[in-house]
Amino acid sequence: MSANSSAILGELLRDVSRSFYLTLRVLPLPIRQPIGIAYLLARAADTVADTEIIVTEQRLTILNRFRQALTANDSKGLFLAEMKGFIEKQ
């Protein structure tokens, strides 16, 4: 991960979870980034699951697509493009 990517990850973590961000900083350097990324992915899924502005069926569809993107190596960014289109419709 580049220095710029690390900085962005740090900023995101600091902004969305101050306590987790502080705890993460005491972990050994080689595992900070993977755990930070895993936390943000879990946080994103939790946000989708908990929101009430999207009906349950759509939330399930989004979460299933999220899982597919994570397990299928969505290198073309199709999931992100799909979600951007969905958000723009709202």
Protein backbone atom coordinates (compact mmCIF):
# COMPACT_ATOMS: atom_id res chain seq x y z
CA MET A 1 0.00 0.00 0.00
CA SER A 2 1.41 3.40 -0.96
CA ALA A 3 2.12 6.11 1.57
CA ASN A 4 -0.80 8.11 0.18
CA SER A 5 -3.15 5.12 0.55
CA SER A 6 -1.94 4.63 4.12
CA ALA A 7 -2.63 8.27 4.90
CA ILE A 8 -6.14 8.03 3.44
CA LEU A 9 -6.80 4.85 5.41
CA GLY A 10 -5.61 6.55 8.59
CA GLU A 11 -7.83 9.58 7.97
CA LEU A 12 -10.88 7.40 7.32
CA LEU A 13 -10.30 5.37 10.45
CA ARG A 14 -9.74 8.49 12.54
CA ASP A 15 -12.92 10.07 11.19
CA VAL A 16 -15.25 7.07 11.61
CA SER A 17 -13.94 5.51 14.79
CA ARG A 18 -11.71 7.48 17.08
CA SER A 19 -11.43 4.72 19.69
CA PHE A 20 -10.69 1.97 17.15
CA TYR A 21 -8.17 4.24 15.44
CA LEU A 22 -6.32 4.76 18.73
CA THR A 23 -6.36 1.03 19.50
CA LEU A 24 -5.15 0.15 16.01
CA ARG A 25 -2.06 2.29 16.49
CA VAL A 26 -0.71 -0.05 19.20
CA LEU A 27 -0.78 -3.10 16.89
CA PRO A 28 2.39 -4.19 15.10
CA LEU A 29 2.87 -2.16 11.90
CA PRO A 30 2.52 -5.10 9.44
CA ILE A 31 -1.02 -5.89 10.57
CA ARG A 32 -2.40 -2.37 11.06
CA GLN A 33 -3.46 -1.85 7.46
CA PRO A 34 -5.19 -5.21 6.90
CA ILE A 35 -7.08 -4.89 10.18
CA GLY A 36 -7.98 -1.28 9.43
CA ILE A 37 -9.33 -2.22 6.01
CA ALA A 38 -11.28 -5.14 7.48
CA TYR A 39 -12.80 -2.79 10.06
CA LEU A 40 -13.90 -0.31 7.39
CA LEU A 41 -15.45 -3.07 5.29
CA ALA A 42 -17.35 -4.37 8.32
CA ARG A 43 -18.42 -0.84 9.19
CA ALA A 44 -19.73 -0.27 5.65
CA ALA A 45 -21.73 -3.52 5.71
CA ASP A 46 -23.12 -2.67 9.14
CA THR A 47 -24.19 0.78 7.96
CA VAL A 48 -26.08 -0.72 5.02
CA ALA A 49 -27.68 -3.36 7.24
CA ASP A 50 -28.81 -0.82 9.85
CA THR A 51 -30.11 1.98 7.65
CA GLU A 52 -33.84 2.55 7.49
CA ILE A 53 -33.80 4.76 4.40
CA ILE A 54 -33.41 1.72 2.12
CA VAL A 55 -36.01 -1.03 2.15
CA THR A 56 -34.93 -4.44 3.45
CA GLU A 57 -34.97 -6.16 0.05
CA GLN A 58 -32.64 -3.55 -1.44
CA ARG A 59 -30.33 -3.73 1.59
CA LEU A 60 -30.05 -7.49 1.16
CA THR A 61 -29.27 -7.05 -2.54
CA ILE A 62 -26.58 -4.49 -1.73
CA LEU A 63 -25.05 -6.70 0.95
CA ASN A 64 -25.03 -9.71 -1.38
CA ARG A 65 -23.34 -7.66 -4.10
CA PHE A 66 -20.86 -6.37 -1.51
CA ARG A 67 -19.99 -9.95 -0.58
CA GLN A 68 -19.65 -10.91 -4.24
CA ALA A 69 -17.35 -7.97 -4.91
CA LEU A 70 -15.13 -8.94 -2.00
CA THR A 71 -14.93 -12.62 -2.90
CA ALA A 72 -14.81 -12.36 -6.70
CA ASN A 73 -11.97 -9.84 -7.04
CA ASP A 74 -14.06 -7.11 -8.63
CA SER A 75 -11.01 -5.55 -10.28
CA LYS A 76 -13.08 -3.56 -12.76
CA GLY A 77 -14.89 -1.76 -9.95
CA LEU A 78 -18.32 -2.92 -11.11
CA PHE A 79 -19.69 -3.01 -7.56
CA LEU A 80 -18.60 0.57 -6.86
CA ALA A 81 -20.08 1.77 -10.15
CA GLU A 82 -23.32 -0.05 -9.37
CA MET A 83 -23.52 1.48 -5.89
CA LYS A 84 -22.74 4.95 -7.24
CA GLY A 85 -25.65 4.60 -9.66
CA PHE A 86 -27.91 3.38 -6.88
CA ILE A 87 -27.01 6.29 -4.61
CA GLU A 88 -27.52 8.82 -7.40
CA LYS A 89 -31.08 7.50 -7.92
CA GLN A 90 -31.97 8.10 -4.26
